[in-house]
Protein backbone atom coordinates (compact mmCIF):
# COMPACT_ATOMS: atom_id res chain seq x y z
CA MET A 1 3.94 -10.72 -14.33
CA GLN A 2 2.08 -7.42 -13.09
CA PHE A 3 3.49 -4.61 -11.09
CA GLY A 4 1.24 -3.05 -8.06
CA ILE A 5 -0.02 -0.26 -10.43
CA ASP A 6 -1.28 -3.05 -13.26
CA ARG A 7 -3.20 -5.14 -10.58
CA LEU A 8 -4.59 -2.10 -9.42
CA VAL A 9 -5.96 -0.81 -12.50
CA ALA A 10 -6.88 -4.11 -13.69
CA ASP A 11 -9.09 -5.37 -10.74
CA PRO A 12 -12.12 -3.31 -9.65
CA SER A 13 -11.95 -5.04 -6.18
CA LEU A 14 -8.67 -3.99 -5.23
CA ARG A 15 -9.60 -0.68 -5.93
CA ALA A 16 -13.13 -0.96 -4.16
CA PRO A 17 -11.77 0.79 -0.81
CA LEU A 18 -10.78 3.88 -2.82
CA GLU A 19 -14.21 4.60 -3.44
CA GLY A 20 -15.67 7.84 -2.06
CA LYS A 21 -12.39 8.90 -0.99
CA ARG A 22 -9.79 11.30 -2.11
CA VAL A 23 -6.56 9.74 -3.65
CA ALA A 24 -2.89 11.34 -3.94
CA LEU A 25 -0.53 9.85 -6.32
CA VAL A 26 3.51 9.84 -5.32
CA ALA A 27 5.09 9.55 -8.80
CA HIS A 28 7.97 10.12 -11.06
CA PRO A 29 8.46 9.36 -14.86
CA ALA A 30 8.93 5.19 -14.49
CA SER A 31 5.73 5.55 -12.74
CA VAL A 32 3.88 3.76 -15.68
CA THR A 33 1.46 0.54 -16.32
CA GLU A 34 2.70 -2.50 -18.28
CA ASP A 35 1.57 -0.50 -21.78
CA LEU A 36 3.59 2.49 -20.50
CA ARG A 37 0.75 4.52 -19.55
CA HIS A 38 1.59 6.94 -16.66
CA SER A 39 -0.09 5.98 -13.35
CA LEU A 40 -1.59 9.24 -13.13
CA ASP A 41 -3.79 8.77 -16.34
CA ALA A 42 -3.94 5.03 -15.68
CA LEU A 43 -5.91 5.88 -12.47
CA ILE A 44 -8.02 8.80 -13.57
CA ASP A 45 -9.18 6.56 -16.20
CA ALA A 46 -10.07 3.64 -14.03
CA GLY A 47 -12.48 6.21 -12.07
CA VAL A 48 -9.85 6.83 -9.32
CA ASN A 49 -10.79 10.17 -7.43
CA VAL A 50 -7.24 11.54 -7.71
CA THR A 51 -7.15 15.16 -6.22
CA SER A 52 -3.43 15.64 -6.06
CA ALA A 53 0.09 14.25 -7.06
CA PHE A 54 3.44 14.55 -5.58
CA GLY A 55 6.84 14.62 -7.05
CA PRO A 56 10.01 13.30 -5.19
CA GLN A 57 13.57 14.45 -5.87
CA HIS A 58 14.10 15.49 -9.65
CA GLY A 59 10.32 15.93 -9.73
CA LEU A 60 7.03 14.52 -11.14
CA LYS A 61 8.54 14.85 -14.70
CA GLY A 62 12.27 13.84 -13.55
CA ASP A 63 13.65 16.73 -15.35
CA LYS A 64 16.00 17.78 -12.41
CA GLN A 65 19.47 16.78 -13.16
CA ASP A 66 21.58 17.01 -9.97
CA ASN A 67 21.44 16.52 -6.07
CA MET A 68 19.94 19.83 -4.32
CA VAL A 69 18.30 21.08 -7.58
CA GLU A 70 14.60 21.86 -6.20
CA THR A 71 11.47 21.78 -7.81
CA ALA A 72 8.35 23.91 -7.38
CA ASP A 73 4.94 23.18 -6.79
CA GLU A 74 2.39 23.55 -9.61
CA THR A 75 -0.86 22.81 -11.08
CA ASP A 76 -1.21 19.97 -13.52
CA PRO A 77 -2.19 21.35 -16.85
CA GLN A 78 -4.45 18.51 -17.88
CA TYR A 79 -6.21 17.61 -14.71
CA GLY A 80 -6.27 20.64 -12.76
CA ILE A 81 -4.97 19.16 -9.57
CA PRO A 82 -2.03 20.47 -7.27
CA VAL A 83 1.38 18.84 -7.87
CA PHE A 84 3.29 18.99 -4.46
CA SER A 85 7.10 18.99 -4.61
CA LEU A 86 8.74 16.80 -1.85
CA TYR A 87 12.13 18.24 -3.09
CA GLY A 88 11.89 22.06 -2.92
CA GLU A 89 10.89 23.98 0.14
CA VAL A 90 10.12 21.01 1.78
CA ARG A 91 10.99 17.13 2.01
CA ARG A 92 8.63 16.21 4.43
CA PRO A 93 4.77 16.61 3.48
CA SER A 94 3.24 19.40 5.24
CA GLY A 95 -0.13 19.55 6.60
CA GLN A 96 -1.69 21.48 3.76
CA MET A 97 -0.22 18.67 1.38
CA MET A 98 -1.67 15.83 3.70
CA SER A 99 -5.06 17.58 3.77
CA SER A 100 -5.46 16.95 0.12
CA ALA A 101 -6.12 13.49 0.11
CA ASP A 102 -7.24 10.34 2.54
CA VAL A 103 -5.11 7.61 0.77
CA PHE A 104 -1.64 8.29 -0.58
CA LEU A 105 -0.43 6.04 -3.09
CA PHE A 106 3.07 5.69 -3.48
CA ASP A 107 4.33 4.48 -6.79
CA LEU A 108 8.10 4.91 -7.28
CA GLN A 109 10.44 3.01 -8.65
CA ASP A 110 13.42 2.36 -6.60
CA LEU A 111 17.08 1.20 -7.23
CA GLY A 112 17.20 -0.92 -3.73
CA CYS A 113 19.81 1.30 -2.44
CA ARG A 114 19.67 3.32 0.78
CA ILE A 115 20.87 6.84 -0.41
CA TYR A 116 18.39 6.82 -3.25
CA THR A 117 16.10 9.22 -1.49
CA PHE A 118 12.74 7.49 -2.80
CA VAL A 119 13.31 5.48 0.47
CA THR A 120 13.15 8.46 2.86
CA THR A 121 10.51 10.08 1.25
CA LEU A 122 8.58 6.73 2.08
CA LEU A 123 9.37 7.26 5.57
CA TYR A 124 8.46 10.80 5.79
CA LEU A 125 4.99 10.00 4.27
CA LEU A 126 4.59 7.31 6.51
CA GLU A 127 5.32 9.27 9.25
CA GLU A 128 3.10 12.00 8.53
CA ALA A 129 0.26 9.72 7.65
CA SER A 130 0.75 8.54 10.74
CA LYS A 131 0.11 11.97 12.51
CA ALA A 132 -2.90 13.03 10.44
CA GLY A 133 -4.86 9.60 10.44
CA LYS A 134 -4.04 9.41 6.71
CA SER A 135 -3.72 5.49 4.72
CA VAL A 136 -0.69 4.87 2.51
CA TRP A 137 -0.81 2.16 -0.14
CA VAL A 138 2.40 1.20 -1.65
CA LEU A 139 1.96 -0.05 -5.35
CA ASP A 140 4.60 -2.20 -5.31
CA ARG A 141 7.58 -2.47 -7.89
CA PRO A 142 10.58 -4.55 -8.54
CA ASN A 143 13.79 -4.05 -6.55
CA PRO A 144 16.45 -4.20 -9.87
CA ALA A 145 19.24 -4.83 -7.51
CA GLY A 146 17.79 -8.19 -6.64
CA ARG A 147 17.84 -9.60 -3.08
CA PRO A 148 21.51 -9.17 -1.93
CA VAL A 149 22.08 -6.93 0.95
CA GLU A 150 25.61 -4.97 1.07
CA GLY A 151 27.62 -2.54 2.97
CA THR A 152 27.66 -1.34 6.60
CA LEU A 153 24.37 -0.29 8.65
CA LEU A 154 23.89 3.59 9.29
CA VAL A 155 25.53 4.72 12.60
CA PRO A 156 22.74 6.11 14.92
CA GLY A 157 22.83 9.96 14.87
CA GLN A 158 24.32 9.91 11.12
CA GLU A 159 20.88 9.88 9.67
CA SER A 160 20.34 12.40 6.71
CA PHE A 161 17.73 12.62 3.59
CA VAL A 162 20.08 9.99 1.89
CA GLY A 163 19.94 7.90 5.41
CA ALA A 164 16.54 7.35 6.97
CA ALA A 165 17.63 4.42 9.62
CA PRO A 166 20.08 2.11 10.43
CA MET A 167 20.34 -0.09 7.07
CA PRO A 168 22.95 -0.77 4.95
CA MET A 169 23.80 0.79 1.36
CA ARG A 170 22.22 -2.01 -0.67
CA HIS A 171 19.01 -3.08 0.97
CA GLY A 172 17.58 -5.95 -0.81
CA LEU A 173 13.87 -4.88 -0.42
CA THR A 174 11.14 -3.54 -2.38
CA MET A 175 9.50 -0.26 -1.49
CA GLY A 176 6.21 -2.22 -0.27
CA GLU A 177 8.55 -4.30 1.99
CA MET A 178 10.58 -1.48 2.94
CA GLY A 179 7.21 0.22 4.22
CA HIS A 180 6.67 -2.77 6.55
CA TRP A 181 10.13 -2.59 8.06
CA PHE A 182 9.60 1.16 8.57
CA ILE A 183 6.52 0.58 10.74
CA ALA A 184 7.81 -2.05 12.68
CA HIS A 185 11.16 -0.38 13.54
CA PHE A 186 9.70 3.17 14.12
CA GLY A 187 6.86 1.75 15.83
CA LEU A 188 4.39 3.91 13.56
CA GLU A 189 0.53 3.52 13.69
CA VAL A 190 -0.71 4.35 10.47
CA ASP A 191 -3.13 2.45 8.01
CA TYR A 192 -0.67 0.84 5.50
CA ARG A 193 -1.14 -1.84 2.75
CA VAL A 194 0.82 -2.90 -0.23
CA VAL A 195 -0.81 -3.56 -3.53
CA GLU A 196 1.82 -6.84 -4.15
CA MET A 197 3.30 -7.49 -7.57
CA ALA A 198 2.23 -10.86 -9.01
CA GLY A 199 4.76 -13.39 -10.35
CA TRP A 200 7.64 -11.11 -9.49
CA GLN A 201 10.86 -13.61 -8.80
CA PRO A 202 13.70 -11.77 -7.33
CA ASP A 203 15.92 -14.49 -7.79
CA GLY A 204 14.73 -15.60 -11.55
CA PRO A 205 15.75 -14.35 -14.74
CA GLY A 206 16.59 -10.60 -14.74
CA HIS A 207 18.25 -11.10 -11.09
CA GLY A 208 15.51 -8.43 -9.74
CA TRP A 209 14.59 -6.88 -13.04
CA PRO A 210 11.96 -8.77 -15.15
CA ASP A 211 13.34 -9.38 -18.93
CA SER A 212 9.80 -8.67 -19.92
CA ARG A 213 9.47 -4.89 -18.74
CA ILE A 214 11.11 -1.63 -20.40
CA TRP A 215 13.16 0.33 -18.17
CA ILE A 216 12.33 3.66 -17.94
CA ASN A 217 14.68 6.17 -16.01
CA PRO A 218 13.43 6.79 -12.57
CA SER A 219 15.90 9.51 -12.29
CA PRO A 220 17.87 11.53 -15.13
CA ASN A 221 20.99 9.48 -14.29
CA ALA A 222 19.81 6.14 -13.48
CA ALA A 223 19.64 5.15 -17.23
CA ASN A 224 19.77 1.22 -17.31
CA VAL A 225 19.60 -1.71 -15.10
CA ASN A 226 23.77 -2.14 -15.45
CA MET A 227 23.52 1.70 -13.70
CA ALA A 228 20.90 -0.05 -11.17
CA ARG A 229 23.11 -2.53 -9.85
CA ALA A 230 26.13 -0.93 -9.85
CA TYR A 231 24.78 2.40 -7.97
CA ALA A 232 25.30 0.85 -4.30
CA GLY A 233 28.91 1.60 -5.10
CA THR A 234 29.23 3.84 -7.27
CA VAL A 235 26.86 6.60 -5.93
CA MET A 236 30.17 7.05 -3.23
CA ILE A 237 31.75 8.64 -5.94
CA GLU A 238 29.39 11.84 -5.29
CA GLY A 239 31.71 12.39 -2.21
CA ALA A 240 34.80 12.30 -4.10
CA THR A 241 36.49 14.57 -6.12
CA LEU A 242 36.72 11.99 -8.97
CA SER A 243 34.09 11.91 -11.52
CA GLU A 244 30.92 9.70 -11.37
CA GLY A 245 30.34 9.94 -15.34
CA ARG A 246 27.75 12.56 -15.15
CA GLY A 247 28.13 14.89 -17.95
CA THR A 248 28.34 11.70 -20.16
CA THR A 249 26.01 9.32 -21.59
CA ARG A 250 26.73 6.35 -18.92
CA PRO A 251 26.92 8.32 -15.66
CA LEU A 252 27.40 6.22 -12.51
CA GLU A 253 28.68 3.20 -14.31
CA VAL A 254 32.25 3.79 -13.36
CA LEU A 255 34.40 3.39 -10.72
CA PHE A 256 35.96 6.50 -11.04
CA GLY A 257 37.44 8.96 -14.03
CA ALA A 258 40.05 11.47 -13.48
CA PRO A 259 42.37 13.35 -15.89
CA ASP A 260 45.47 12.77 -13.41
CA VAL A 261 44.85 8.96 -12.12
CA ASP A 262 46.13 6.03 -14.12
CA ALA A 263 43.29 3.31 -14.65
CA LYS A 264 45.42 0.62 -15.24
CA ALA A 265 47.59 1.05 -12.51
CA VAL A 266 44.37 1.39 -10.18
CA LEU A 267 42.72 -1.61 -11.78
CA ALA A 268 46.28 -3.75 -11.22
CA GLU A 269 46.41 -2.69 -7.48
CA MET A 270 42.62 -3.41 -6.88
CA ARG A 271 43.43 -7.05 -7.99
CA ARG A 272 46.53 -7.37 -5.63
CA LEU A 273 44.41 -6.18 -2.70
CA ALA A 274 41.40 -8.08 -3.11
CA PRO A 275 40.69 -10.13 -6.25
CA GLU A 276 37.57 -11.65 -4.87
CA TRP A 277 36.09 -8.26 -4.56
CA LEU A 278 36.01 -7.65 -8.53
CA GLU A 279 34.08 -10.90 -9.31
CA GLY A 280 30.82 -10.84 -10.75
CA CYS A 281 31.16 -8.03 -13.48
CA ALA A 282 33.47 -6.99 -16.19
CA ILE A 283 35.74 -4.28 -15.45
CA ARG A 284 36.92 -2.15 -18.63
CA GLU A 285 39.40 0.66 -19.07
CA CYS A 286 37.70 3.72 -21.01
CA PHE A 287 38.14 7.33 -21.50
CA PHE A 288 35.56 10.24 -21.47
CA GLU A 289 35.18 13.95 -21.53
CA PRO A 290 32.29 15.42 -19.03
CA THR A 291 30.38 18.10 -20.63
CA PHE A 292 29.29 19.63 -17.25
CA HIS A 293 30.01 18.67 -13.78
CA LYS A 294 33.38 17.18 -12.07
CA HIS A 295 36.24 17.66 -14.65
CA ALA A 296 33.94 19.28 -17.58
CA GLY A 297 36.11 19.51 -20.53
CA SER A 298 39.17 17.16 -19.65
CA LEU A 299 39.79 14.02 -20.82
CA CYS A 300 39.29 11.16 -18.28
CA ASN A 301 41.22 8.06 -17.62
CA ALA A 302 38.29 5.47 -16.15
CA LEU A 303 37.45 2.13 -15.05
CA MET A 304 33.96 0.99 -16.59
CA ILE A 305 31.71 -1.51 -14.68
CA HIS A 306 29.54 -4.04 -16.79
CA ALA A 307 27.62 -6.01 -14.64
CA GLU A 308 25.44 -7.08 -17.57
CA GLY A 309 25.62 -10.04 -20.03
CA ARG A 310 27.52 -12.99 -19.79
CA SER A 311 30.16 -11.10 -17.38
CA TYR A 312 27.33 -10.83 -14.95
CA GLN A 313 27.15 -13.21 -11.54
CA HIS A 314 24.36 -12.09 -9.69
CA ASP A 315 25.61 -13.87 -6.34
CA THR A 316 29.10 -12.53 -6.52
CA PHE A 317 28.66 -9.03 -7.61
CA ARG A 318 29.69 -6.88 -4.59
CA PRO A 319 29.59 -2.88 -5.63
CA TRP A 320 29.92 -1.36 -2.54
CA ARG A 321 32.93 -3.58 -2.04
CA LEU A 322 34.45 -2.98 -5.34
CA GLN A 323 33.84 0.87 -5.08
CA ALA A 324 35.53 0.95 -1.85
CA LEU A 325 38.37 -1.06 -3.29
CA ALA A 326 38.80 1.39 -6.06
CA PHE A 327 39.03 4.51 -3.55
CA LYS A 328 41.85 2.16 -1.54
CA ALA A 329 43.69 1.29 -4.58
CA ILE A 330 44.10 5.37 -5.24
CA ARG A 331 44.78 6.05 -2.16
CA ASN A 332 47.65 3.52 -2.30
CA LEU A 333 49.05 4.77 -5.52
CA TYR A 334 48.62 8.15 -4.61
CA PRO A 335 48.98 8.96 -1.02
CA ASP A 336 48.38 12.84 -1.23
CA TYR A 337 45.40 13.04 -3.72
CA ASP A 338 42.72 15.14 -2.65
CA LEU A 339 40.05 12.43 -2.76
CA TRP A 340 37.08 13.60 -0.35
CA ARG A 341 35.08 16.40 -1.62
CA ASP A 342 34.21 18.83 0.93
CA PHE A 343 30.60 20.86 -0.07
CA PRO A 344 27.09 20.79 1.11
CA TYR A 345 25.43 17.37 0.27
CA GLU A 346 21.95 16.69 0.42
CA TYR A 347 21.08 19.57 3.05
CA GLU A 348 24.15 18.53 5.05
CA LEU A 349 26.64 21.12 5.68
CA ASP A 350 28.94 19.90 8.87
CA ARG A 351 30.01 16.39 7.50
CA LEU A 352 31.85 15.30 4.60
CA ALA A 353 29.74 13.88 1.63
CA ILE A 354 31.44 10.49 1.78
CA ASP A 355 30.63 10.07 5.59
CA VAL A 356 26.92 11.40 4.70
CA ILE A 357 26.65 8.73 2.02
CA ASN A 358 28.13 5.86 4.26
CA GLY A 359 25.97 6.78 7.18
CA GLY A 360 29.43 7.32 9.40
CA PRO A 361 32.89 7.62 8.66
CA SER A 362 34.19 4.25 8.80
CA LEU A 363 34.64 3.65 4.96
CA ARG A 364 36.62 7.09 4.76
CA GLU A 365 38.73 6.13 7.80
CA TRP A 366 39.45 2.57 6.34
CA VAL A 367 40.42 3.79 2.97
CA ASP A 368 42.85 6.56 4.48
CA ASP A 369 44.32 3.99 7.00
CA ALA A 370 47.54 2.86 5.06
CA GLU A 371 47.71 -0.18 7.66
CA SER A 372 44.05 -1.41 6.91
CA GLU A 373 43.59 -4.26 5.01
CA PRO A 374 40.42 -5.47 2.93
CA ALA A 375 39.73 -7.99 5.43
CA TYR A 376 39.09 -5.70 8.06
CA LEU A 377 36.20 -3.82 6.06
CA ASP A 378 34.69 -7.19 4.85
CA ARG A 379 34.90 -8.10 8.97
CA ILE A 380 32.66 -5.41 10.01
CA ALA A 381 30.28 -5.36 6.78
CA SER A 382 29.83 -9.12 6.84
CA ALA A 383 28.49 -8.52 10.44
CA ASP A 384 26.09 -5.57 9.56
CA GLU A 385 24.97 -7.35 6.59
CA ALA A 386 24.01 -10.67 8.77
CA LEU A 387 22.13 -8.16 11.38
CA TRP A 388 20.25 -6.56 8.57
CA ARG A 389 19.11 -9.90 7.03
CA GLU A 390 17.76 -10.94 10.42
CA SER A 391 15.77 -7.94 10.94
CA ILE A 392 13.98 -7.79 7.40
CA ALA A 393 13.48 -11.75 7.24
CA SER A 394 9.93 -11.37 8.35
CA HIS A 395 8.90 -8.51 6.23
CA LEU A 396 9.65 -10.16 2.85
CA LEU A 397 6.68 -10.34 0.56
CA TYR A 398 7.92 -12.36 -2.24
């Protein structure tokens, strides 16, 4: 199969509309061709007139570790072109940035999750291109989480940099498809095209991520496909006092880690509450000691998710419900546990991080309500998921 960048580099007819145009590239470390050349090098070698580059959160080099760690603008030392940061002084491209090119090539590997900020970066680019009369091309890449959708829809008025629009946590789209949905939903007038993948099978071998392609971290803590599959659930731990495994070699692949929580007891309570929500993966008790971030230097008891190998069942694995269930079990076992982390999260200062992450307070309220059963959360989420599937049906390309 071929990703969008591979087709564009290999086919002069696809590149023909770029002749005589100034071209910008939005990229990160996973923006590579099949033979692992970075897209910036491959485009310039193909004769494309690249006049600027843009880096999203974590930077063009992918060197920034955590949320709200900003990247400065710089000049590329090899090509002498400006490299603008979309996670520094601004997150929305400025007029000066937009004036650096005529066509903007968006080549970011996504994780298929609303909160992964590359989704919002695409929306901001489309909106600014619409204002400035610029063109946007998405060089499409796989959604490694595949087609399943999961989670409640973001509540209008709860938008943030990790919540661009009323979509669920696990959106089921490629970035090329997401661009079409954004344009339709927001009524944007912009010259937009997708350089589609060839041969991608979202429900084929790999369940979204093709077995033939090497995984490269699109951000520092996105280390493998297991993380990409689990992320629509485990990212919620960023809004909790529990550790999500940052400061270890397997971040965002655990349901929680904490020095004062009994993981075996939590797993037993999860199985009692909603055993069907644990399907599709293996869950293993483990221990870790983070070298930095939450609970640094303390031995944490944890539950590890294995959405991989023979344990993985693509159609039944539901990471958002799985993570919600872990929170609920902890709340049941430790009613007074200081569960929700209160700190500035992705530039939102007046809302709890867990509410910013979920696009509203419903999940937190469900966890904290001792009388609320799993069936209630399942009912509201299922209704939202059905609405989302209906809204995206006409935008699917594969």
